[in-house]
N, C-alpha and C. Protein backbone atom coordinates (compact mmCIF):
# COMPACT_ATOMS: atom_id res chain seq x y z
N MET A 1 2.07 -50.30 8.81
CA MET A 1 3.20 -49.82 8.03
C MET A 1 4.16 -49.09 8.96
N SER A 2 5.42 -49.38 8.85
CA SER A 2 6.44 -48.73 9.66
C SER A 2 7.16 -47.68 8.82
N THR A 3 7.51 -46.57 9.42
CA THR A 3 8.15 -45.47 8.72
C THR A 3 9.03 -44.70 9.70
N THR A 4 9.86 -43.82 9.21
CA THR A 4 10.64 -42.95 10.09
C THR A 4 10.76 -41.54 9.51
N GLU A 5 9.69 -41.02 8.96
CA GLU A 5 9.72 -39.66 8.43
C GLU A 5 9.72 -38.66 9.58
N ILE A 6 10.36 -37.51 9.34
CA ILE A 6 10.54 -36.50 10.38
C ILE A 6 10.03 -35.14 9.87
N HIS A 7 9.38 -34.40 10.78
CA HIS A 7 9.05 -33.00 10.51
C HIS A 7 9.50 -32.17 11.69
N GLU A 8 10.16 -31.06 11.40
CA GLU A 8 10.59 -30.13 12.44
C GLU A 8 9.91 -28.79 12.24
N HIS A 9 9.52 -28.18 13.36
CA HIS A 9 8.86 -26.88 13.34
C HIS A 9 9.59 -25.97 14.32
N ALA A 10 10.27 -24.95 13.80
CA ALA A 10 10.97 -23.99 14.66
C ALA A 10 9.97 -22.98 15.19
N PHE A 11 10.14 -22.60 16.46
CA PHE A 11 9.28 -21.59 17.06
C PHE A 11 10.02 -20.87 18.17
N VAL A 12 9.50 -19.72 18.54
CA VAL A 12 10.04 -18.95 19.65
C VAL A 12 9.09 -19.08 20.82
N ALA A 13 9.61 -19.31 21.99
CA ALA A 13 8.80 -19.40 23.20
C ALA A 13 8.34 -17.99 23.56
N GLU A 14 7.10 -17.68 23.18
CA GLU A 14 6.57 -16.35 23.42
C GLU A 14 5.05 -16.38 23.46
N GLY A 15 4.45 -15.29 23.88
CA GLY A 15 3.01 -15.11 23.84
C GLY A 15 2.23 -16.16 24.63
N LEU A 16 1.23 -16.72 23.96
CA LEU A 16 0.33 -17.67 24.61
C LEU A 16 1.00 -19.01 24.94
N LEU A 17 2.21 -19.23 24.46
CA LEU A 17 2.93 -20.46 24.77
C LEU A 17 3.55 -20.43 26.17
N LEU A 18 3.50 -19.28 26.83
CA LEU A 18 4.21 -19.09 28.08
C LEU A 18 3.32 -19.15 29.31
N THR A 19 3.96 -19.36 30.45
CA THR A 19 3.30 -19.28 31.75
C THR A 19 4.30 -18.76 32.78
N ASP A 20 3.78 -18.17 33.83
CA ASP A 20 4.59 -17.86 35.00
C ASP A 20 4.03 -18.61 36.21
N VAL A 21 3.24 -19.64 35.93
CA VAL A 21 2.60 -20.48 36.93
C VAL A 21 1.91 -19.60 37.99
N ARG A 22 0.98 -18.78 37.47
CA ARG A 22 0.17 -17.89 38.33
C ARG A 22 1.02 -17.00 39.22
N GLY A 23 2.12 -16.50 38.65
CA GLY A 23 2.96 -15.56 39.37
C GLY A 23 3.98 -16.19 40.30
N SER A 24 4.10 -17.51 40.28
CA SER A 24 5.03 -18.17 41.21
C SER A 24 6.46 -18.26 40.66
N LEU A 25 6.65 -17.90 39.39
CA LEU A 25 8.00 -17.90 38.82
C LEU A 25 8.46 -16.46 38.60
N PRO A 26 9.77 -16.21 38.68
CA PRO A 26 10.27 -14.84 38.48
C PRO A 26 10.19 -14.38 37.02
N HIS A 27 10.07 -15.32 36.09
CA HIS A 27 9.96 -14.97 34.67
C HIS A 27 9.12 -16.03 33.96
N ARG A 28 8.63 -15.67 32.79
CA ARG A 28 7.75 -16.59 32.05
C ARG A 28 8.58 -17.64 31.30
N VAL A 29 8.01 -18.84 31.21
CA VAL A 29 8.67 -19.98 30.56
C VAL A 29 7.65 -20.69 29.66
N LEU A 30 8.16 -21.53 28.77
CA LEU A 30 7.31 -22.34 27.92
C LEU A 30 6.44 -23.23 28.80
N SER A 31 5.12 -23.14 28.62
CA SER A 31 4.21 -23.95 29.42
C SER A 31 4.13 -25.37 28.86
N THR A 32 3.70 -26.30 29.69
CA THR A 32 3.50 -27.66 29.22
C THR A 32 2.44 -27.72 28.12
N PRO A 33 1.27 -27.06 28.28
CA PRO A 33 0.31 -27.06 27.16
C PRO A 33 0.88 -26.43 25.88
N GLY A 34 1.68 -25.39 26.02
CA GLY A 34 2.30 -24.77 24.85
C GLY A 34 3.27 -25.72 24.17
N MET A 35 4.06 -26.43 24.97
CA MET A 35 5.00 -27.41 24.42
C MET A 35 4.26 -28.52 23.69
N ILE A 36 3.19 -29.04 24.31
CA ILE A 36 2.42 -30.10 23.68
C ILE A 36 1.78 -29.59 22.38
N GLY A 37 1.31 -28.36 22.39
CA GLY A 37 0.73 -27.78 21.17
C GLY A 37 1.72 -27.75 20.02
N MET A 38 2.97 -27.42 20.31
CA MET A 38 3.99 -27.39 19.26
C MET A 38 4.34 -28.80 18.79
N MET A 39 4.32 -29.77 19.70
CA MET A 39 4.52 -31.17 19.32
C MET A 39 3.40 -31.63 18.39
N GLU A 40 2.15 -31.29 18.76
CA GLU A 40 1.01 -31.66 17.92
C GLU A 40 1.07 -30.99 16.56
N HIS A 41 1.51 -29.73 16.54
CA HIS A 41 1.64 -29.02 15.26
C HIS A 41 2.60 -29.76 14.32
N ALA A 42 3.74 -30.16 14.86
CA ALA A 42 4.72 -30.88 14.03
C ALA A 42 4.15 -32.21 13.54
N ALA A 43 3.46 -32.94 14.41
CA ALA A 43 2.87 -34.23 14.02
C ALA A 43 1.76 -34.04 12.99
N THR A 44 0.91 -33.04 13.19
CA THR A 44 -0.19 -32.78 12.26
C THR A 44 0.34 -32.44 10.88
N THR A 45 1.36 -31.62 10.82
CA THR A 45 1.95 -31.25 9.54
C THR A 45 2.50 -32.48 8.83
N LEU A 46 3.18 -33.34 9.56
CA LEU A 46 3.73 -34.56 8.97
C LEU A 46 2.62 -35.51 8.52
N ALA A 47 1.54 -35.56 9.27
CA ALA A 47 0.43 -36.47 8.95
C ALA A 47 -0.26 -36.13 7.64
N THR A 48 -0.27 -34.87 7.25
CA THR A 48 -1.05 -34.45 6.07
C THR A 48 -0.67 -35.19 4.79
N SER A 49 0.57 -35.58 4.66
CA SER A 49 0.99 -36.28 3.44
C SER A 49 0.67 -37.77 3.48
N HIS A 50 0.04 -38.24 4.56
CA HIS A 50 -0.25 -39.66 4.71
C HIS A 50 -1.75 -39.96 4.83
N ILE A 51 -2.57 -38.96 4.60
CA ILE A 51 -4.02 -39.17 4.73
C ILE A 51 -4.72 -38.83 3.42
N ALA A 52 -5.90 -39.39 3.25
CA ALA A 52 -6.67 -39.21 2.01
C ALA A 52 -7.25 -37.79 1.94
N PRO A 53 -7.44 -37.29 0.73
CA PRO A 53 -8.12 -35.99 0.58
C PRO A 53 -9.50 -36.03 1.26
N GLY A 54 -9.89 -34.93 1.86
CA GLY A 54 -11.16 -34.87 2.54
C GLY A 54 -11.14 -35.38 3.96
N THR A 55 -9.95 -35.77 4.43
CA THR A 55 -9.81 -36.22 5.82
C THR A 55 -8.83 -35.31 6.55
N THR A 56 -8.83 -35.45 7.86
CA THR A 56 -7.88 -34.73 8.70
C THR A 56 -7.52 -35.66 9.85
N THR A 57 -6.70 -35.19 10.76
CA THR A 57 -6.38 -36.00 11.94
C THR A 57 -6.72 -35.21 13.20
N VAL A 58 -7.02 -35.96 14.25
CA VAL A 58 -7.26 -35.36 15.56
C VAL A 58 -6.35 -36.07 16.56
N GLY A 59 -5.93 -35.32 17.57
CA GLY A 59 -5.12 -35.91 18.61
C GLY A 59 -5.92 -36.92 19.40
N PHE A 60 -5.32 -38.08 19.65
CA PHE A 60 -6.00 -39.16 20.37
C PHE A 60 -5.31 -39.44 21.70
N GLU A 61 -3.97 -39.38 21.69
CA GLU A 61 -3.23 -39.68 22.91
C GLU A 61 -1.93 -38.90 22.92
N VAL A 62 -1.60 -38.35 24.07
CA VAL A 62 -0.34 -37.65 24.28
C VAL A 62 0.27 -38.20 25.56
N CYS A 63 1.51 -38.63 25.47
CA CYS A 63 2.23 -39.12 26.65
C CYS A 63 3.63 -38.48 26.61
N VAL A 64 3.80 -37.37 27.34
CA VAL A 64 5.06 -36.64 27.28
C VAL A 64 5.57 -36.29 28.66
N LYS A 65 6.85 -36.02 28.72
CA LYS A 65 7.49 -35.50 29.93
C LYS A 65 8.07 -34.14 29.58
N HIS A 66 7.83 -33.17 30.46
CA HIS A 66 8.39 -31.83 30.32
C HIS A 66 9.62 -31.81 31.24
N VAL A 67 10.81 -32.01 30.65
CA VAL A 67 12.00 -32.31 31.46
C VAL A 67 12.92 -31.14 31.72
N ALA A 68 12.69 -30.00 31.05
CA ALA A 68 13.53 -28.82 31.28
C ALA A 68 12.75 -27.58 30.89
N GLY A 69 13.19 -26.45 31.39
CA GLY A 69 12.53 -25.19 31.08
C GLY A 69 13.11 -24.53 29.84
N ALA A 70 12.26 -23.75 29.17
CA ALA A 70 12.69 -22.89 28.07
C ALA A 70 12.17 -21.49 28.40
N VAL A 71 13.06 -20.55 28.58
CA VAL A 71 12.68 -19.20 28.99
C VAL A 71 12.05 -18.43 27.83
N GLU A 72 11.33 -17.39 28.17
CA GLU A 72 10.72 -16.53 27.16
C GLU A 72 11.79 -16.08 26.16
N GLY A 73 11.47 -16.20 24.88
CA GLY A 73 12.40 -15.82 23.83
C GLY A 73 13.29 -16.94 23.32
N ALA A 74 13.24 -18.09 23.98
CA ALA A 74 14.07 -19.23 23.55
C ALA A 74 13.66 -19.67 22.15
N HIS A 75 14.64 -19.99 21.34
CA HIS A 75 14.40 -20.50 19.98
C HIS A 75 14.40 -22.02 20.05
N CYS A 76 13.22 -22.59 19.90
CA CYS A 76 13.03 -24.03 20.08
C CYS A 76 12.65 -24.70 18.77
N VAL A 77 12.75 -26.01 18.77
CA VAL A 77 12.32 -26.82 17.63
C VAL A 77 11.46 -27.95 18.16
N ALA A 78 10.26 -28.08 17.58
CA ALA A 78 9.40 -29.24 17.86
C ALA A 78 9.64 -30.24 16.74
N ARG A 79 9.85 -31.48 17.11
CA ARG A 79 10.16 -32.53 16.14
C ARG A 79 9.17 -33.68 16.32
N ALA A 80 8.62 -34.14 15.18
CA ALA A 80 7.76 -35.32 15.19
C ALA A 80 8.36 -36.35 14.24
N VAL A 81 8.44 -37.58 14.70
CA VAL A 81 8.93 -38.69 13.88
C VAL A 81 7.77 -39.67 13.73
N LEU A 82 7.30 -39.86 12.50
CA LEU A 82 6.21 -40.81 12.25
C LEU A 82 6.79 -42.21 12.32
N LYS A 83 6.36 -42.95 13.33
CA LYS A 83 6.90 -44.29 13.57
C LYS A 83 6.06 -45.39 12.96
N GLU A 84 4.73 -45.17 12.88
CA GLU A 84 3.87 -46.26 12.45
C GLU A 84 2.52 -45.73 11.99
N ILE A 85 1.98 -46.37 10.96
CA ILE A 85 0.60 -46.14 10.53
C ILE A 85 -0.11 -47.47 10.63
N VAL A 86 -1.21 -47.51 11.39
CA VAL A 86 -1.95 -48.73 11.62
C VAL A 86 -3.31 -48.62 10.95
N GLU A 87 -3.61 -49.56 10.07
CA GLU A 87 -4.91 -49.65 9.39
C GLU A 87 -5.30 -48.34 8.70
N ASP A 88 -4.35 -47.58 8.21
CA ASP A 88 -4.57 -46.31 7.52
C ASP A 88 -5.36 -45.29 8.35
N ARG A 89 -5.46 -45.48 9.68
CA ARG A 89 -6.23 -44.53 10.47
C ARG A 89 -5.58 -44.14 11.79
N LYS A 90 -4.55 -44.82 12.20
CA LYS A 90 -3.84 -44.48 13.43
C LYS A 90 -2.41 -44.12 13.07
N LEU A 91 -1.99 -42.93 13.41
CA LEU A 91 -0.63 -42.49 13.14
C LEU A 91 0.07 -42.29 14.47
N ARG A 92 1.20 -42.97 14.67
CA ARG A 92 1.94 -42.92 15.94
C ARG A 92 3.27 -42.22 15.72
N PHE A 93 3.55 -41.29 16.63
CA PHE A 93 4.73 -40.43 16.51
C PHE A 93 5.57 -40.47 17.78
N ASP A 94 6.88 -40.33 17.62
CA ASP A 94 7.75 -39.91 18.71
C ASP A 94 7.84 -38.40 18.56
N VAL A 95 7.76 -37.67 19.68
CA VAL A 95 7.80 -36.21 19.62
C VAL A 95 8.80 -35.68 20.63
N GLU A 96 9.33 -34.51 20.33
CA GLU A 96 10.22 -33.84 21.27
C GLU A 96 10.28 -32.35 20.96
N VAL A 97 10.65 -31.58 21.97
CA VAL A 97 10.96 -30.17 21.80
C VAL A 97 12.36 -29.98 22.36
N VAL A 98 13.18 -29.27 21.59
CA VAL A 98 14.55 -28.98 22.02
C VAL A 98 14.80 -27.48 21.93
N ASP A 99 15.72 -27.03 22.76
CA ASP A 99 16.23 -25.66 22.74
C ASP A 99 17.73 -25.80 22.55
N GLY A 100 18.17 -25.70 21.29
CA GLY A 100 19.56 -25.99 20.99
C GLY A 100 19.83 -27.46 21.22
N GLU A 101 20.78 -27.76 22.07
CA GLU A 101 21.12 -29.14 22.40
C GLU A 101 20.33 -29.68 23.59
N ARG A 102 19.57 -28.81 24.25
CA ARG A 102 18.82 -29.20 25.46
C ARG A 102 17.45 -29.78 25.09
N THR A 103 17.13 -30.92 25.66
CA THR A 103 15.79 -31.49 25.50
C THR A 103 14.86 -30.81 26.50
N ILE A 104 13.77 -30.25 25.99
CA ILE A 104 12.77 -29.59 26.82
C ILE A 104 11.65 -30.58 27.15
N GLY A 105 11.22 -31.34 26.16
CA GLY A 105 10.16 -32.32 26.36
C GLY A 105 10.32 -33.48 25.40
N VAL A 106 9.81 -34.64 25.79
CA VAL A 106 9.95 -35.83 24.97
C VAL A 106 8.80 -36.78 25.26
N GLY A 107 8.36 -37.52 24.23
CA GLY A 107 7.30 -38.48 24.46
C GLY A 107 6.75 -39.06 23.17
N THR A 108 5.47 -39.48 23.26
CA THR A 108 4.79 -40.07 22.11
C THR A 108 3.45 -39.37 21.91
N HIS A 109 2.96 -39.48 20.69
CA HIS A 109 1.68 -38.85 20.33
C HIS A 109 1.00 -39.72 19.29
N GLU A 110 -0.31 -39.90 19.42
CA GLU A 110 -1.08 -40.65 18.42
C GLU A 110 -2.18 -39.76 17.89
N ARG A 111 -2.36 -39.81 16.58
CA ARG A 111 -3.43 -39.08 15.91
C ARG A 111 -4.29 -40.07 15.16
N ARG A 112 -5.58 -39.77 15.03
CA ARG A 112 -6.52 -40.62 14.30
C ARG A 112 -7.08 -39.86 13.11
N VAL A 113 -7.26 -40.58 12.02
CA VAL A 113 -7.81 -40.01 10.80
C VAL A 113 -9.33 -39.93 10.94
N VAL A 114 -9.90 -38.77 10.61
CA VAL A 114 -11.35 -38.57 10.65
C VAL A 114 -11.75 -37.80 9.40
N GLY A 115 -13.05 -37.83 9.09
CA GLY A 115 -13.57 -37.01 7.99
C GLY A 115 -13.41 -35.55 8.35
N ALA A 116 -13.16 -34.72 7.35
CA ALA A 116 -12.98 -33.29 7.59
C ALA A 116 -14.26 -32.68 8.13
N VAL A 117 -14.13 -31.78 9.08
CA VAL A 117 -15.27 -31.09 9.67
C VAL A 117 -15.62 -29.90 8.81
N GLU A 118 -16.87 -29.77 8.48
CA GLU A 118 -17.28 -28.63 7.63
C GLU A 118 -17.91 -27.56 8.45
C-alpha cells in the first residue's frame, strides 16, 4: 500500500540530544544519535495509526545523512512521511530534521510490526 501521511514533532536541541564530540567542539550541538532518535520518534508516532491493537513497531533500518549542525537551543522539527506499507508489517518512511529552513538531516527509515512486549 502506498501512502503519503506526514507527522511532525517539534523539539529543542538540548540535554541528552547534544554532543561536544568529547570536548573537540567549542559548543554543544545536536548529535547524530539524537537526530536519529527524533526521526524515529516521528515515524513511531505516525505508525501507531496503521498497526493492529496489541502490536508495536521496532526500528529495522536507518539510512540518514547528518548534513548540517544545530546548536544547543535550536528549535527543530523532525518529520516522517509514511511512503509505503508492505504486507501489513513493514512501514517505510522518508525522514528529516530541519531547523527553520535549514535541513539538518535527511534519509529513510523502516519499522517492522511486532507483538507488544509485556
